[in-house]
C-alpha atoms as a PDB file:
ATOM      1  CA  MET A   1       0.000   0.000   0.000  1.00  0.00           C
ATOM      2  CA  SER A   2       1.271   3.447  -0.952  1.00  0.00           C
ATOM      3  CA  MET A   3       2.235   5.989   1.707  1.00  0.00           C
ATOM      4  CA  PHE A   4       1.308   8.871  -0.610  1.00  0.00           C
ATOM      5  CA  GLU A   5      -1.097  11.375   0.917  1.00  0.00           C
ATOM      6  CA  ALA A   6      -2.673  13.759  -1.585  1.00  0.00           C
ATOM      7  CA  LYS A   7      -2.770  17.456  -0.838  1.00  0.00           C
ATOM      8  CA  HIS A   8      -6.052  19.183  -1.621  1.00  0.00           C
ATOM      9  CA  VAL A   9      -6.730  22.918  -1.786  1.00  0.00           C
ATOM     10  CA  MET A  10      -9.533  25.218  -2.874  1.00  0.00           C
ATOM     11  CA  ARG A  11      -8.868  28.818  -3.894  1.00  0.00           C
ATOM     12  CA  SER A  12     -11.454  31.386  -4.942  1.00  0.00           C
ATOM     13  CA  HIS A  13     -11.100  35.000  -6.020  1.00  0.00           C
ATOM     14  CA  THR A  14     -13.424  37.560  -7.587  1.00  0.00           C
ATOM     15  CA  ILE A  15     -12.402  40.150 -10.151  1.00  0.00           C
ATOM     16  CA  GLU A  16     -14.409  42.990 -11.615  1.00  0.00           C
ATOM     17  CA  ILE A  17     -14.243  43.532 -15.357  1.00  0.00           C
ATOM     18  CA  GLN A  18     -15.468  46.726 -16.998  1.00  0.00           C
ATOM     19  CA  ALA A  19     -17.780  45.096 -19.530  1.00  0.00           C
ATOM     20  CA  ARG A  20     -21.214  43.498 -19.457  1.00  0.00           C
ATOM     21  CA  PRO A  21     -21.561  39.832 -18.409  1.00  0.00           C
ATOM     22  CA  GLU A  22     -22.760  38.786 -21.888  1.00  0.00           C
ATOM     23  CA  THR A  23     -19.438  40.101 -23.249  1.00  0.00           C
ATOM     24  CA  VAL A  24     -17.247  38.667 -20.492  1.00  0.00           C
ATOM     25  CA  PHE A  25     -18.674  35.171 -19.929  1.00  0.00           C
ATOM     26  CA  PRO A  26     -17.753  33.853 -23.435  1.00  0.00           C
ATOM     27  CA  LEU A  27     -14.126  34.849 -22.739  1.00  0.00           C
ATOM     28  CA  PHE A  28     -13.937  31.944 -20.253  1.00  0.00           C
ATOM     29  CA  THR A  29     -14.347  29.262 -22.943  1.00  0.00           C
ATOM     30  CA  PRO A  30     -11.625  27.314 -24.788  1.00  0.00           C
ATOM     31  CA  LEU A  31     -11.788  29.587 -27.854  1.00  0.00           C
ATOM     32  CA  GLY A  32     -12.656  32.721 -25.873  1.00  0.00           C
ATOM     33  CA  GLU A  33      -9.457  32.460 -23.853  1.00  0.00           C
ATOM     34  CA  LYS A  34      -7.397  32.497 -27.069  1.00  0.00           C
ATOM     35  CA  LYS A  35      -8.396  36.154 -27.381  1.00  0.00           C
ATOM     36  CA  TRP A  36      -6.735  37.291 -24.145  1.00  0.00           C
ATOM     37  CA  VAL A  37      -4.376  34.562 -22.833  1.00  0.00           C
ATOM     38  CA  ASP A  38      -0.872  34.691 -24.336  1.00  0.00           C
ATOM     39  CA  GLY A  39       0.134  31.236 -25.540  1.00  0.00           C
ATOM     40  CA  TRP A  40      -3.317  29.685 -24.993  1.00  0.00           C
ATOM     41  CA  ASP A  41      -3.766  27.305 -27.914  1.00  0.00           C
ATOM     42  CA  PRO A  42      -6.097  24.462 -26.983  1.00  0.00           C
ATOM     43  CA  ILE A  43      -6.199  21.263 -29.007  1.00  0.00           C
ATOM     44  CA  LEU A  44      -9.900  20.698 -29.644  1.00  0.00           C
ATOM     45  CA  HIS A  45     -10.847  17.032 -29.314  1.00  0.00           C
ATOM     46  CA  TYR A  46     -14.631  17.293 -29.110  1.00  0.00           C
ATOM     47  CA  PRO A  47     -16.368  19.037 -30.686  1.00  0.00           C
ATOM     48  CA  ARG A  48     -13.760  19.947 -33.302  1.00  0.00           C
ATOM     49  CA  SER A  49     -15.489  23.326 -33.757  1.00  0.00           C
ATOM     50  CA  GLY A  50     -14.462  24.339 -30.240  1.00  0.00           C
ATOM     51  CA  GLU A  51     -18.052  25.106 -29.282  1.00  0.00           C
ATOM     52  CA  ALA A  52     -18.330  25.485 -25.526  1.00  0.00           C
ATOM     53  CA  MET A  53     -20.787  22.858 -24.315  1.00  0.00           C
ATOM     54  CA  LYS A  54     -21.184  20.255 -21.616  1.00  0.00           C
ATOM     55  CA  GLY A  55     -19.063  17.262 -22.626  1.00  0.00           C
ATOM     56  CA  ALA A  56     -16.536  19.245 -24.680  1.00  0.00           C
ATOM     57  CA  VAL A  57     -12.958  17.968 -24.346  1.00  0.00           C
ATOM     58  CA  PHE A  58      -9.715  19.762 -25.191  1.00  0.00           C
ATOM     59  CA  SER A  59      -6.100  19.740 -24.086  1.00  0.00           C
ATOM     60  CA  THR A  60      -3.434  22.337 -23.491  1.00  0.00           C
ATOM     61  CA  CYS A  61       0.319  22.255 -23.220  1.00  0.00           C
ATOM     62  CA  SER A  62       1.724  25.560 -22.000  1.00  0.00           C
ATOM     63  CA  GLU A  63       5.447  26.280 -21.956  1.00  0.00           C
ATOM     64  CA  GLY A  64       7.013  24.658 -18.924  1.00  0.00           C
ATOM     65  CA  GLU A  65       3.867  22.630 -18.198  1.00  0.00           C
ATOM     66  CA  ALA A  66       2.872  19.048 -18.905  1.00  0.00           C
ATOM     67  CA  GLU A  67      -0.091  18.365 -21.169  1.00  0.00           C
ATOM     68  CA  THR A  68      -3.402  18.931 -19.400  1.00  0.00           C
ATOM     69  CA  VAL A  69      -6.708  17.409 -20.516  1.00  0.00           C
ATOM     70  CA  TRP A  70      -9.862  19.459 -19.901  1.00  0.00           C
ATOM     71  CA  ALA A  71     -13.566  18.564 -19.987  1.00  0.00           C
ATOM     72  CA  ILE A  72     -16.481  20.943 -19.620  1.00  0.00           C
ATOM     73  CA  VAL A  73     -18.713  19.343 -16.990  1.00  0.00           C
ATOM     74  CA  GLU A  74     -21.208  22.221 -16.682  1.00  0.00           C
ATOM     75  CA  TYR A  75     -21.939  25.035 -19.095  1.00  0.00           C
ATOM     76  CA  ASP A  76     -24.925  27.331 -18.550  1.00  0.00           C
ATOM     77  CA  PRO A  77     -24.747  30.620 -20.509  1.00  0.00           C
ATOM     78  CA  PRO A  78     -28.088  31.963 -19.168  1.00  0.00           C
ATOM     79  CA  LYS A  79     -26.724  31.598 -15.622  1.00  0.00           C
ATOM     80  CA  ARG A  80     -23.225  32.615 -16.831  1.00  0.00           C
ATOM     81  CA  CYS A  81     -21.518  29.713 -15.112  1.00  0.00           C
ATOM     82  CA  ALA A  82     -19.140  27.038 -16.298  1.00  0.00           C
ATOM     83  CA  LYS A  83     -17.307  24.203 -14.607  1.00  0.00           C
ATOM     84  CA  TYR A  84     -14.254  22.448 -16.015  1.00  0.00           C
ATOM     85  CA  LEU A  85     -12.452  19.301 -14.922  1.00  0.00           C
ATOM     86  CA  ARG A  86      -8.755  19.346 -15.797  1.00  0.00           C
ATOM     87  CA  VAL A  87      -6.268  16.518 -15.368  1.00  0.00           C
ATOM     88  CA  THR A  88      -2.506  16.793 -15.603  1.00  0.00           C
ATOM     89  CA  PRO A  89      -1.625  13.075 -15.684  1.00  0.00           C
ATOM     90  CA  GLY A  90       0.667  11.909 -12.921  1.00  0.00           C
ATOM     91  CA  SER A  91       0.475  15.292 -11.192  1.00  0.00           C
ATOM     92  CA  ARG A  92      -2.916  16.773 -10.303  1.00  0.00           C
ATOM     93  CA  VAL A  93      -6.645  17.075 -10.926  1.00  0.00           C
ATOM     94  CA  ALA A  94      -8.538  20.350 -10.710  1.00  0.00           C
ATOM     95  CA  VAL A  95     -12.095  21.548 -10.886  1.00  0.00           C
ATOM     96  CA  VAL A  96     -12.323  25.105 -12.232  1.00  0.00           C
ATOM     97  CA  GLU A  97     -15.535  27.047 -11.741  1.00  0.00           C
ATOM     98  CA  VAL A  98     -16.335  30.429 -13.291  1.00  0.00           C
ATOM     99  CA  GLN A  99     -19.418  32.401 -12.287  1.00  0.00           C
ATOM    100  CA  CYS A 100     -20.124  35.795 -13.861  1.00  0.00           C
ATOM    101  CA  SER A 101     -22.691  38.197 -12.481  1.00  0.00           C
ATOM    102  CA  GLU A 102     -23.664  41.763 -13.115  1.00  0.00           C
ATOM    103  CA  ALA A 103     -21.903  44.444 -11.078  1.00  0.00           C
ATOM    104  CA  ALA A 104     -22.612  48.162 -10.748  1.00  0.00           C
ATOM    105  CA  GLY A 105     -22.293  50.341 -13.815  1.00  0.00           C
ATOM    106  CA  GLY A 106     -22.625  47.510 -16.344  1.00  0.00           C
ATOM    107  CA  ALA A 107     -19.484  45.758 -15.139  1.00  0.00           C
ATOM    108  CA  THR A 108     -19.050  42.028 -14.495  1.00  0.00           C
ATOM    109  CA  ARG A 109     -18.058  40.329 -11.287  1.00  0.00           C
ATOM    110  CA  ALA A 110     -16.271  37.073 -12.199  1.00  0.00           C
ATOM    111  CA  ARG A 111     -15.672  34.586  -9.396  1.00  0.00           C
ATOM    112  CA  VAL A 112     -13.067  31.959 -10.299  1.00  0.00           C
ATOM    113  CA  THR A 113     -12.573  28.933  -8.063  1.00  0.00           C
ATOM    114  CA  TYR A 114      -9.873  26.280  -8.479  1.00  0.00           C
ATOM    115  CA  THR A 115      -9.965  23.085  -6.417  1.00  0.00           C
ATOM    116  CA  PHE A 116      -6.755  21.061  -6.802  1.00  0.00           C
ATOM    117  CA  THR A 117      -6.020  17.512  -5.670  1.00  0.00           C
ATOM    118  CA  ALA A 118      -2.538  16.082  -6.089  1.00  0.00           C
ATOM    119  CA  LEU A 119      -1.970  12.708  -7.748  1.00  0.00           C
ATOM    120  CA  SER A 120       1.720  12.384  -6.843  1.00  0.00           C
ATOM    121  CA  GLU A 121       4.515  14.001  -4.866  1.00  0.00           C
ATOM    122  CA  GLU A 122       5.078  16.304  -7.870  1.00  0.00           C
ATOM    123  CA  GLY A 123       1.400  17.241  -7.624  1.00  0.00           C
ATOM    124  CA  ASN A 124       1.761  17.824  -3.882  1.00  0.00           C
ATOM    125  CA  ARG A 125       4.559  20.312  -4.572  1.00  0.00           C
ATOM    126  CA  TYR A 126       2.375  22.094  -7.137  1.00  0.00           C
ATOM    127  CA  VAL A 127      -0.604  22.232  -4.754  1.00  0.00           C
ATOM    128  CA  SER A 128       1.608  23.437  -1.875  1.00  0.00           C
ATOM    129  CA  ASP A 129       2.917  26.268  -4.063  1.00  0.00           C
ATOM    130  CA  PHE A 130      -0.632  27.314  -4.965  1.00  0.00           C
ATOM    131  CA  THR A 131      -0.897  29.725  -2.034  1.00  0.00           C
ATOM    132  CA  GLU A 132      -3.732  32.181  -1.492  1.00  0.00           C
ATOM    133  CA  ASP A 133      -1.465  35.120  -2.415  1.00  0.00           C
ATOM    134  CA  ARG A 134      -0.175  33.399  -5.556  1.00  0.00           C
ATOM    135  CA  TYR A 135      -3.720  32.528  -6.601  1.00  0.00           C
ATOM    136  CA  ARG A 136      -4.975  36.087  -6.071  1.00  0.00           C
ATOM    137  CA  GLU A 137      -2.104  37.442  -8.203  1.00  0.00           C
ATOM    138  CA  TYR A 138      -2.828  34.842 -10.881  1.00  0.00           C
ATOM    139  CA  ILE A 139      -6.529  35.704 -11.172  1.00  0.00           C
ATOM    140  CA  ASP A 140      -5.821  39.452 -10.945  1.00  0.00           C
ATOM    141  CA  SER A 141      -3.547  39.009 -13.980  1.00  0.00           C
ATOM    142  CA  TRP A 142      -6.606  37.668 -15.842  1.00  0.00           C
ATOM    143  CA  LYS A 143      -8.413  40.935 -15.129  1.00  0.00           C
ATOM    144  CA  GLU A 144      -5.536  42.934 -16.604  1.00  0.00           C
ATOM    145  CA  ALA A 145      -5.307  40.696 -19.687  1.00  0.00           C
ATOM    146  CA  ILE A 146      -9.065  40.821 -20.318  1.00  0.00           C
ATOM    147  CA  HIS A 147      -9.098  44.607 -20.012  1.00  0.00           C
ATOM    148  CA  ARG A 148      -6.199  44.843 -22.495  1.00  0.00           C
ATOM    149  CA  PHE A 149      -8.130  42.663 -24.933  1.00  0.00           C
ATOM    150  CA  LEU A 150     -11.350  44.663 -24.522  1.00  0.00           C
ATOM    151  CA  LYS A 151      -9.512  47.923 -25.189  1.00  0.00           C
ATOM    152  CA  ARG A 152      -8.114  46.513 -28.475  1.00  0.00           C
ATOM    153  CA  LYS A 153     -11.514  45.176 -29.532  1.00  0.00           C
END
């Protein structure tokens, strides 16, 4: 029997984006993220069109990262919420939830929650490094990148 004990962590942070929810929510899809995330180039497995829908599967391989397989497990545009399951084999599993809601002045409040579970000692190191401060900085960088994209649009 293995002595491995998986680390598990949940991090959540809310950002405010100066655009309406119907503009912002589609930016949190596999093809939507290509518009504002440098280097984001998902491999679309199903559907090949890249349509965001429950059951869609894609993979990513960012510089310095192992390949990660993603599946959309919930996708509800009227409620502006999406939930992804992502697996980095031999390292970690994560559930990523995005919930967009209307904020004052036509802005969007986007709450992003990551729940990581390690699959190995390498995964434990990754999860341990995923501190609250690091997570907040990470999601705040999304806000900056989305605003840059919206200004170019």
